Amino acid sequence: MVDSTTNDTISSRDLFTRQECISVDLYSSAQENLLAALPYLTSPLSLVGSSLIIWAIWYDRQVLLKLVYHRLVFAMSVMDWINSFGMIVLGPWTVPANYLYGRPGRGTVNTCTASGVFFSMLTGTVNYSAFLAISFVLTIRWEWKERRIACCMEPFAHFFGFFGPTVNAIIGGANQLINPLWELPGWCWFSDNPPFCIHDKVYCMNEGTLILPDECVRGEDFEDYTTSIGLTFVIFVWGVIVTCMILIVLKVFRMERSLQ
């Protein structure tokens, strides 16, 4: 964010005369429209792909669902299907029509909350990807058998992949933590409303329109949730998946050397 002085607007408010505000104008109108349209461009492709995987596994479920790998892929595809379906049906239009701090939609607080709940399912897809990587490592690197993986790892995969994101999304919605994202026009997720109400600073947007420090109407504690979600995402994506792939590569190299 870049500091900018908005003398004309600020001078009309005696409390903030000649005070610098922090600019939050991140996008042009065209960029905002593009960001709002992205769910309608990418979600149908994801929905079709997930549907095909679900159908393929379910069609031969008596054989495929006996294996941990296919059960994890099936569950991951279900989570992705839920997220993609929600982004299509509950897209950018769900942003409240009276939202003053970004691109307004045609919805209400309730539609925005519902959209954010579905969007939260995306974290479940990522978590399942991490546990797929873990299952590969356990099979290749440490030669775990199918029954041991199903007993000792798979329950954790479903907890962090399905129950964790679902419960987190429901708690966020029930505690009014899901609101429009000013930094991502047309999207709703964990955020404060009005924006920056948890910070004692003055922000300006839309050619000098001020966002004054005010009491939070919704989302006062949202940062506690986004921090935990962010740490989980980083740990699973960069920690678990990358580490597992490195261990697999090293194991394959050792196997190749032993055969030479």
C-alpha atoms as a PDB file:
ATOM      1  CA  MET A   1       0.000   0.000   0.000  1.00  0.00           C
ATOM      2  CA  VAL A   2       1.227   3.417  -0.898  1.00  0.00           C
ATOM      3  CA  ASP A   3       0.857   6.532   1.254  1.00  0.00           C
ATOM      4  CA  SER A   4      -0.989   9.433  -0.355  1.00  0.00           C
ATOM      5  CA  THR A   5      -2.345  12.773   0.876  1.00  0.00           C
ATOM      6  CA  THR A   6      -5.938  13.654   0.075  1.00  0.00           C
ATOM      7  CA  ASN A   7      -6.138  17.307   1.164  1.00  0.00           C
ATOM      8  CA  ASP A   8      -9.553  18.139  -0.317  1.00  0.00           C
ATOM      9  CA  THR A   9     -11.375  15.266   1.330  1.00  0.00           C
ATOM     10  CA  ILE A  10      -9.484  15.305   4.613  1.00  0.00           C
ATOM     11  CA  SER A  11      -9.868  19.065   5.071  1.00  0.00           C
ATOM     12  CA  SER A  12     -13.630  18.595   5.211  1.00  0.00           C
ATOM     13  CA  ARG A  13     -13.149  16.574   8.383  1.00  0.00           C
ATOM     14  CA  ASP A  14     -11.559  18.675  11.094  1.00  0.00           C
ATOM     15  CA  LEU A  15     -10.265  15.671  13.015  1.00  0.00           C
ATOM     16  CA  PHE A  16      -8.065  14.542  10.141  1.00  0.00           C
ATOM     17  CA  THR A  17      -7.016  17.872   8.633  1.00  0.00           C
ATOM     18  CA  ARG A  18      -3.735  17.510   6.681  1.00  0.00           C
ATOM     19  CA  GLN A  19      -3.293  13.935   7.919  1.00  0.00           C
ATOM     20  CA  GLU A  20      -1.853  11.389   5.527  1.00  0.00           C
ATOM     21  CA  CYS A  21      -3.979   8.352   4.835  1.00  0.00           C
ATOM     22  CA  ILE A  22      -2.929   4.935   3.562  1.00  0.00           C
ATOM     23  CA  SER A  23      -4.202   4.316   0.041  1.00  0.00           C
ATOM     24  CA  VAL A  24      -6.063   1.054  -0.547  1.00  0.00           C
ATOM     25  CA  ASP A  25      -6.946   1.618  -4.192  1.00  0.00           C
ATOM     26  CA  LEU A  26      -5.447  -1.617  -5.495  1.00  0.00           C
ATOM     27  CA  TYR A  27      -7.278  -2.116  -8.784  1.00  0.00           C
ATOM     28  CA  SER A  28      -8.818  -0.254 -11.672  1.00  0.00           C
ATOM     29  CA  SER A  29     -12.480  -0.806 -12.548  1.00  0.00           C
ATOM     30  CA  ALA A  30     -11.504  -3.225 -15.307  1.00  0.00           C
ATOM     31  CA  GLN A  31      -9.314  -5.221 -12.918  1.00  0.00           C
ATOM     32  CA  GLU A  32     -12.088  -5.367 -10.329  1.00  0.00           C
ATOM     33  CA  ASN A  33     -14.507  -6.702 -12.942  1.00  0.00           C
ATOM     34  CA  LEU A  34     -11.969  -9.320 -14.014  1.00  0.00           C
ATOM     35  CA  LEU A  35     -11.388 -10.510 -10.445  1.00  0.00           C
ATOM     36  CA  ALA A  36     -15.142 -10.709  -9.888  1.00  0.00           C
ATOM     37  CA  ALA A  37     -15.553 -12.737 -13.096  1.00  0.00           C
ATOM     38  CA  LEU A  38     -12.809 -15.269 -12.311  1.00  0.00           C
ATOM     39  CA  PRO A  39     -15.093 -17.678 -10.384  1.00  0.00           C
ATOM     40  CA  TYR A  40     -17.377 -17.937 -13.416  1.00  0.00           C
ATOM     41  CA  LEU A  41     -14.401 -18.683 -15.672  1.00  0.00           C
ATOM     42  CA  THR A  42     -12.491 -21.245 -13.598  1.00  0.00           C
ATOM     43  CA  SER A  43     -15.104 -22.885 -11.362  1.00  0.00           C
ATOM     44  CA  PRO A  44     -17.001 -24.651 -14.194  1.00  0.00           C
ATOM     45  CA  LEU A  45     -13.766 -26.294 -15.360  1.00  0.00           C
ATOM     46  CA  SER A  46     -12.974 -27.427 -11.826  1.00  0.00           C
ATOM     47  CA  LEU A  47     -16.543 -28.667 -11.361  1.00  0.00           C
ATOM     48  CA  VAL A  48     -16.404 -30.763 -14.526  1.00  0.00           C
ATOM     49  CA  GLY A  49     -13.022 -32.242 -13.622  1.00  0.00           C
ATOM     50  CA  SER A  50     -14.098 -33.129 -10.083  1.00  0.00           C
ATOM     51  CA  SER A  51     -17.370 -34.600 -11.334  1.00  0.00           C
ATOM     52  CA  LEU A  52     -15.535 -36.883 -13.760  1.00  0.00           C
ATOM     53  CA  ILE A  53     -13.190 -38.132 -11.035  1.00  0.00           C
ATOM     54  CA  ILE A  54     -16.075 -38.739  -8.622  1.00  0.00           C
ATOM     55  CA  TRP A  55     -18.058 -40.595 -11.274  1.00  0.00           C
ATOM     56  CA  ALA A  56     -15.067 -42.720 -12.373  1.00  0.00           C
ATOM     57  CA  ILE A  57     -14.283 -43.855  -8.831  1.00  0.00           C
ATOM     58  CA  TRP A  58     -17.911 -44.360  -7.810  1.00  0.00           C
ATOM     59  CA  TYR A  59     -18.658 -46.359 -10.961  1.00  0.00           C
ATOM     60  CA  ASP A  60     -16.087 -48.973  -9.916  1.00  0.00           C
ATOM     61  CA  ARG A  61     -16.389 -48.300  -6.180  1.00  0.00           C
ATOM     62  CA  GLN A  62     -16.386 -51.947  -5.092  1.00  0.00           C
ATOM     63  CA  VAL A  63     -12.789 -52.209  -6.295  1.00  0.00           C
ATOM     64  CA  LEU A  64     -11.359 -48.690  -6.171  1.00  0.00           C
ATOM     65  CA  LEU A  65     -12.706 -47.576  -2.800  1.00  0.00           C
ATOM     66  CA  LYS A  66     -10.906 -50.464  -1.120  1.00  0.00           C
ATOM     67  CA  LEU A  67      -7.654 -48.556  -1.615  1.00  0.00           C
ATOM     68  CA  VAL A  68      -6.590 -45.590   0.503  1.00  0.00           C
ATOM     69  CA  TYR A  69      -5.337 -43.689  -2.538  1.00  0.00           C
ATOM     70  CA  HIS A  70      -8.706 -43.740  -4.284  1.00  0.00           C
ATOM     71  CA  ARG A  71     -10.583 -42.901  -1.097  1.00  0.00           C
ATOM     72  CA  LEU A  72      -8.406 -39.822  -0.600  1.00  0.00           C
ATOM     73  CA  VAL A  73      -8.759 -38.747  -4.232  1.00  0.00           C
ATOM     74  CA  PHE A  74     -12.517 -39.288  -4.015  1.00  0.00           C
ATOM     75  CA  ALA A  75     -12.806 -37.188  -0.843  1.00  0.00           C
ATOM     76  CA  MET A  76     -10.565 -34.452  -2.276  1.00  0.00           C
ATOM     77  CA  SER A  77     -12.707 -34.322  -5.425  1.00  0.00           C
ATOM     78  CA  VAL A  78     -15.875 -34.029  -3.341  1.00  0.00           C
ATOM     79  CA  MET A  79     -14.422 -31.064  -1.454  1.00  0.00           C
ATOM     80  CA  ASP A  80     -13.362 -29.448  -4.718  1.00  0.00           C
ATOM     81  CA  TRP A  81     -16.818 -30.074  -6.192  1.00  0.00           C
ATOM     82  CA  ILE A  82     -18.472 -28.380  -3.200  1.00  0.00           C
ATOM     83  CA  ASN A  83     -16.148 -25.386  -3.477  1.00  0.00           C
ATOM     84  CA  SER A  84     -16.579 -25.058  -7.246  1.00  0.00           C
ATOM     85  CA  PHE A  85     -20.356 -25.421  -7.078  1.00  0.00           C
ATOM     86  CA  GLY A  86     -20.524 -22.789  -4.367  1.00  0.00           C
ATOM     87  CA  MET A  87     -18.390 -20.351  -6.354  1.00  0.00           C
ATOM     88  CA  ILE A  88     -20.703 -20.718  -9.365  1.00  0.00           C
ATOM     89  CA  VAL A  89     -24.029 -20.446  -7.548  1.00  0.00           C
ATOM     90  CA  LEU A  90     -22.829 -18.055  -4.839  1.00  0.00           C
ATOM     91  CA  GLY A  91     -20.441 -15.934  -6.881  1.00  0.00           C
ATOM     92  CA  PRO A  92     -19.634 -12.198  -6.768  1.00  0.00           C
ATOM     93  CA  TRP A  93     -23.309 -11.240  -6.779  1.00  0.00           C
ATOM     94  CA  THR A  94     -23.491 -12.316  -3.117  1.00  0.00           C
ATOM     95  CA  VAL A  95     -21.556  -9.232  -1.921  1.00  0.00           C
ATOM     96  CA  PRO A  96     -24.059  -6.947  -0.123  1.00  0.00           C
ATOM     97  CA  ALA A  97     -25.585  -4.304  -2.377  1.00  0.00           C
ATOM     98  CA  ASN A  98     -24.895  -1.617   0.231  1.00  0.00           C
ATOM     99  CA  TYR A  99     -21.177  -2.424   0.553  1.00  0.00           C
ATOM    100  CA  LEU A 100     -19.363   0.941   0.468  1.00  0.00           C
ATOM    101  CA  TYR A 101     -15.701  -0.074   0.497  1.00  0.00           C
ATOM    102  CA  GLY A 102     -15.327  -1.894  -2.781  1.00  0.00           C
ATOM    103  CA  ARG A 103     -17.264  -3.471  -5.602  1.00  0.00           C
ATOM    104  CA  PRO A 104     -20.872  -3.947  -4.414  1.00  0.00           C
ATOM    105  CA  GLY A 105     -22.991  -6.874  -5.511  1.00  0.00           C
ATOM    106  CA  ARG A 106     -26.690  -7.651  -5.353  1.00  0.00           C
ATOM    107  CA  GLY A 107     -26.720  -9.758  -2.232  1.00  0.00           C
ATOM    108  CA  THR A 108     -27.032  -9.437   1.521  1.00  0.00           C
ATOM    109  CA  VAL A 109     -24.948 -10.242   4.578  1.00  0.00           C
ATOM    110  CA  ASN A 110     -26.403 -13.764   4.582  1.00  0.00           C
ATOM    111  CA  THR A 111     -25.556 -14.477   0.945  1.00  0.00           C
ATOM    112  CA  CYS A 112     -22.012 -13.197   1.512  1.00  0.00           C
ATOM    113  CA  THR A 113     -21.643 -15.478   4.532  1.00  0.00           C
ATOM    114  CA  ALA A 114     -22.905 -18.485   2.572  1.00  0.00           C
ATOM    115  CA  SER A 115     -20.437 -17.729  -0.227  1.00  0.00           C
ATOM    116  CA  GLY A 116     -17.562 -17.553   2.259  1.00  0.00           C
ATOM    117  CA  VAL A 117     -18.526 -20.899   3.792  1.00  0.00           C
ATOM    118  CA  PHE A 118     -18.331 -22.614   0.411  1.00  0.00           C
ATOM    119  CA  PHE A 119     -15.074 -20.808  -0.394  1.00  0.00           C
ATOM    120  CA  SER A 120     -13.566 -22.214   2.811  1.00  0.00           C
ATOM    121  CA  MET A 121     -13.930 -25.742   1.426  1.00  0.00           C
ATOM    122  CA  LEU A 122     -10.939 -24.943  -0.781  1.00  0.00           C
ATOM    123  CA  THR A 123      -8.645 -25.439   2.221  1.00  0.00           C
ATOM    124  CA  GLY A 124      -9.927 -28.996   2.524  1.00  0.00           C
ATOM    125  CA  THR A 125      -8.815 -29.762  -1.025  1.00  0.00           C
ATOM    126  CA  VAL A 126      -5.320 -28.503  -0.227  1.00  0.00           C
ATOM    127  CA  ASN A 127      -5.151 -30.562   2.965  1.00  0.00           C
ATOM    128  CA  TYR A 128      -6.154 -33.733   1.127  1.00  0.00           C
ATOM    129  CA  SER A 129      -3.367 -33.059  -1.387  1.00  0.00           C
ATOM    130  CA  ALA A 130      -0.906 -32.969   1.485  1.00  0.00           C
ATOM    131  CA  PHE A 131      -2.101 -36.288   2.862  1.00  0.00           C
ATOM    132  CA  LEU A 132      -1.857 -37.848  -0.582  1.00  0.00           C
ATOM    133  CA  ALA A 133       1.790 -36.814  -0.583  1.00  0.00           C
ATOM    134  CA  ILE A 134       2.208 -38.308   2.886  1.00  0.00           C
ATOM    135  CA  SER A 135       0.688 -41.599   1.730  1.00  0.00           C
ATOM    136  CA  PHE A 136       3.137 -41.719  -1.180  1.00  0.00           C
ATOM    137  CA  VAL A 137       6.078 -41.212   1.172  1.00  0.00           C
ATOM    138  CA  LEU A 138       4.860 -43.848   3.598  1.00  0.00           C
ATOM    139  CA  THR A 139       4.444 -46.321   0.749  1.00  0.00           C
ATOM    140  CA  ILE A 140       7.649 -45.601  -1.171  1.00  0.00           C
ATOM    141  CA  ARG A 141      10.085 -44.405   1.479  1.00  0.00           C
ATOM    142  CA  TRP A 142       9.096 -46.476   4.508  1.00  0.00           C
ATOM    143  CA  GLU A 143       7.198 -49.270   2.709  1.00  0.00           C
ATOM    144  CA  TRP A 144       4.042 -49.066   4.779  1.00  0.00           C
ATOM    145  CA  LYS A 145       1.333 -51.533   3.823  1.00  0.00           C
ATOM    146  CA  GLU A 146      -2.182 -50.541   2.786  1.00  0.00           C
ATOM    147  CA  ARG A 147      -3.761 -51.633   6.068  1.00  0.00           C
ATOM    148  CA  ARG A 148      -1.289 -49.660   8.178  1.00  0.00           C
ATOM    149  CA  ILE A 149      -1.841 -46.473   6.155  1.00  0.00           C
ATOM    150  CA  ALA A 150      -5.607 -46.891   6.435  1.00  0.00           C
ATOM    151  CA  CYS A 151      -5.358 -47.372  10.181  1.00  0.00           C
ATOM    152  CA  CYS A 152      -2.744 -44.821  11.185  1.00  0.00           C
ATOM    153  CA  MET A 153      -2.942 -42.035   8.579  1.00  0.00           C
ATOM    154  CA  GLU A 154      -6.273 -41.990   6.777  1.00  0.00           C
ATOM    155  CA  PRO A 155      -8.384 -40.859   9.777  1.00  0.00           C
ATOM    156  CA  PHE A 156      -6.189 -37.759  10.135  1.00  0.00           C
ATOM    157  CA  ALA A 157      -6.566 -37.063   6.421  1.00  0.00           C
ATOM    158  CA  HIS A 158     -10.352 -36.962   6.668  1.00  0.00           C
ATOM    159  CA  PHE A 159     -10.253 -34.913   9.851  1.00  0.00           C
ATOM    160  CA  PHE A 160      -8.017 -32.182   8.431  1.00  0.00           C
ATOM    161  CA  GLY A 161      -9.426 -32.471   4.914  1.00  0.00           C
ATOM    162  CA  PHE A 162     -13.151 -32.473   5.641  1.00  0.00           C
ATOM    163  CA  PHE A 163     -14.135 -31.925   9.252  1.00  0.00           C
ATOM    164  CA  GLY A 164     -11.577 -29.210   9.993  1.00  0.00           C
ATOM    165  CA  PRO A 165     -12.451 -26.843   7.113  1.00  0.00           C
ATOM    166  CA  THR A 166     -16.173 -27.519   7.503  1.00  0.00           C
ATOM    167  CA  VAL A 167     -16.243 -26.756  11.225  1.00  0.00           C
ATOM    168  CA  ASN A 168     -13.993 -23.729  10.750  1.00  0.00           C
ATOM    169  CA  ALA A 169     -16.286 -22.324   8.049  1.00  0.00           C
ATOM    170  CA  ILE A 170     -19.409 -22.878  10.166  1.00  0.00           C
ATOM    171  CA  ILE A 171     -17.818 -21.235  13.211  1.00  0.00           C
ATOM    172  CA  GLY A 172     -16.681 -18.298  11.072  1.00  0.00           C
ATOM    173  CA  GLY A 173     -20.153 -17.804   9.654  1.00  0.00           C
ATOM    174  CA  ALA A 174     -21.865 -18.132  13.020  1.00  0.00           C
ATOM    175  CA  ASN A 175     -19.507 -15.583  14.601  1.00  0.00           C
ATOM    176  CA  GLN A 176     -19.968 -13.016  11.809  1.00  0.00           C
ATOM    177  CA  LEU A 177     -16.341 -13.309  10.693  1.00  0.00           C
ATOM    178  CA  ILE A 178     -17.130 -13.768   6.980  1.00  0.00           C
ATOM    179  CA  ASN A 179     -17.437 -10.448   5.155  1.00  0.00           C
ATOM    180  CA  PRO A 180     -16.577  -8.920   1.753  1.00  0.00           C
ATOM    181  CA  LEU A 181     -12.876  -8.789   0.965  1.00  0.00           C
ATOM    182  CA  TRP A 182     -11.835  -5.272  -0.038  1.00  0.00           C
ATOM    183  CA  GLU A 183      -8.554  -6.659  -1.385  1.00  0.00           C
ATOM    184  CA  LEU A 184     -10.343  -9.222  -3.588  1.00  0.00           C
ATOM    185  CA  PRO A 185     -13.430  -7.590  -5.153  1.00  0.00           C
ATOM    186  CA  GLY A 186     -16.457  -9.820  -5.496  1.00  0.00           C
ATOM    187  CA  TRP A 187     -15.293 -12.384  -2.916  1.00  0.00           C
ATOM    188  CA  CYS A 188     -16.365 -13.020   0.667  1.00  0.00           C
ATOM    189  CA  TRP A 189     -14.221 -14.657   3.320  1.00  0.00           C
ATOM    190  CA  PHE A 190     -12.757 -13.956   6.759  1.00  0.00           C
ATOM    191  CA  SER A 191     -12.469 -10.180   7.065  1.00  0.00           C
ATOM    192  CA  ASP A 192     -13.511  -7.222   9.201  1.00  0.00           C
ATOM    193  CA  ASN A 193     -16.392  -4.902   8.359  1.00  0.00           C
ATOM    194  CA  PRO A 194     -15.895  -1.974   7.972  1.00  0.00           C
ATOM    195  CA  PRO A 195     -12.425  -2.666   6.568  1.00  0.00           C
ATOM    196  CA  PHE A 196      -9.526  -1.949   8.921  1.00  0.00           C
ATOM    197  CA  CYS A 197     -11.821  -1.378  11.889  1.00  0.00           C
ATOM    198  CA  ILE A 198      -9.407  -3.393  14.048  1.00  0.00           C
ATOM    199  CA  HIS A 199      -6.559  -0.962  13.258  1.00  0.00           C
ATOM    200  CA  ASP A 200      -6.163   2.559  14.607  1.00  0.00           C
ATOM    201  CA  LYS A 201      -5.277   4.059  11.234  1.00  0.00           C
ATOM    202  CA  VAL A 202      -6.886   6.189   8.534  1.00  0.00           C
ATOM    203  CA  TYR A 203      -7.248   4.701   5.060  1.00  0.00           C
ATOM    204  CA  CYS A 204      -8.405   6.326   1.860  1.00  0.00           C
ATOM    205  CA  MET A 205      -9.844   4.877  -1.315  1.00  0.00           C
ATOM    206  CA  ASN A 206     -11.859   5.874  -4.345  1.00  0.00           C
ATOM    207  CA  GLU A 207     -10.003   9.085  -5.052  1.00  0.00           C
ATOM    208  CA  GLY A 208      -9.739  10.223  -1.473  1.00  0.00           C
ATOM    209  CA  THR A 209     -12.796   8.755   0.241  1.00  0.00           C
ATOM    210  CA  LEU A 210     -11.776   8.168   3.848  1.00  0.00           C
ATOM    211  CA  ILE A 211     -12.182   5.008   5.880  1.00  0.00           C
ATOM    212  CA  LEU A 212     -12.100   6.344   9.413  1.00  0.00           C
ATOM    213  CA  PRO A 213     -11.263   4.269  12.494  1.00  0.00           C
ATOM    214  CA  ASP A 214     -14.539   2.875  13.739  1.00  0.00           C
ATOM    215  CA  GLU A 215     -15.931   0.082  15.841  1.00  0.00           C
ATOM    216  CA  CYS A 216     -16.227  -3.213  14.036  1.00  0.00           C
ATOM    217  CA  VAL A 217     -19.750  -4.162  13.040  1.00  0.00           C
ATOM    218  CA  ARG A 218     -18.609  -7.673  12.083  1.00  0.00           C
ATOM    219  CA  GLY A 219     -15.381  -9.663  12.044  1.00  0.00           C
ATOM    220  CA  GLU A 220     -13.511  -8.114  14.961  1.00  0.00           C
ATOM    221  CA  ASP A 221     -11.647 -11.357  15.687  1.00  0.00           C
ATOM    222  CA  PHE A 222     -11.177 -12.522  12.097  1.00  0.00           C
ATOM    223  CA  GLU A 223      -7.370 -12.274  12.211  1.00  0.00           C
ATOM    224  CA  ASP A 224      -7.172 -15.101  14.750  1.00  0.00           C
ATOM    225  CA  TYR A 225      -8.842 -17.388  12.235  1.00  0.00           C
ATOM    226  CA  THR A 226      -6.964 -16.212   9.157  1.00  0.00           C
ATOM    227  CA  THR A 227      -3.655 -16.610  10.994  1.00  0.00           C
ATOM    228  CA  SER A 228      -4.423 -20.212  11.915  1.00  0.00           C
ATOM    229  CA  ILE A 229      -5.694 -20.967   8.404  1.00  0.00           C
ATOM    230  CA  GLY A 230      -2.677 -19.298   6.851  1.00  0.00           C
ATOM    231  CA  LEU A 231      -0.232 -21.218   9.028  1.00  0.00           C
ATOM    232  CA  THR A 232      -2.013 -24.476   8.247  1.00  0.00           C
ATOM    233  CA  PHE A 233      -1.922 -23.707   4.528  1.00  0.00           C
ATOM    234  CA  VAL A 234       1.778 -22.874   4.580  1.00  0.00           C
ATOM    235  CA  ILE A 235       2.635 -25.935   6.660  1.00  0.00           C
ATOM    236  CA  PHE A 236       0.708 -28.293   4.426  1.00  0.00           C
ATOM    237  CA  VAL A 237       1.639 -26.782   1.077  1.00  0.00           C
ATOM    238  CA  TRP A 238       5.253 -25.786   1.597  1.00  0.00           C
ATOM    239  CA  GLY A 239       6.133 -27.996   4.521  1.00  0.00           C
ATOM    240  CA  VAL A 240       4.460 -31.346   4.026  1.00  0.00           C
ATOM    241  CA  ILE A 241       4.084 -31.563   0.253  1.00  0.00           C
ATOM    242  CA  VAL A 242       7.531 -30.239  -0.643  1.00  0.00           C
ATOM    243  CA  THR A 243       9.231 -32.354   2.024  1.00  0.00           C
ATOM    244  CA  CYS A 244       7.398 -35.476   0.905  1.00  0.00           C
ATOM    245  CA  MET A 245       8.339 -34.933  -2.727  1.00  0.00           C
ATOM    246  CA  ILE A 246      12.003 -34.456  -1.781  1.00  0.00           C
ATOM    247  CA  LEU A 247      11.992 -37.670   0.260  1.00  0.00           C
ATOM    248  CA  ILE A 248      10.430 -39.579  -2.635  1.00  0.00           C
ATOM    249  CA  VAL A 249      12.989 -38.263  -5.114  1.00  0.00           C
ATOM    250  CA  LEU A 250      15.855 -39.205  -2.792  1.00  0.00           C
ATOM    251  CA  LYS A 251      14.426 -42.689  -2.319  1.00  0.00           C
ATOM    252  CA  VAL A 252      14.091 -43.211  -6.065  1.00  0.00           C
ATOM    253  CA  PHE A 253      17.690 -42.078  -6.606  1.00  0.00           C
ATOM    254  CA  ARG A 254      18.899 -44.562  -3.996  1.00  0.00           C
ATOM    255  CA  MET A 255      16.890 -47.359  -5.572  1.00  0.00           C
ATOM    256  CA  GLU A 256      18.291 -46.510  -8.977  1.00  0.00           C
ATOM    257  CA  ARG A 257      21.865 -46.538  -7.678  1.00  0.00           C
ATOM    258  CA  SER A 258      21.355 -49.878  -5.952  1.00  0.00           C
ATOM    259  CA  LEU A 259      20.232 -51.428  -9.239  1.00  0.00           C
ATOM    260  CA  GLN A 260      23.230 -50.209 -11.188  1.00  0.00           C
END
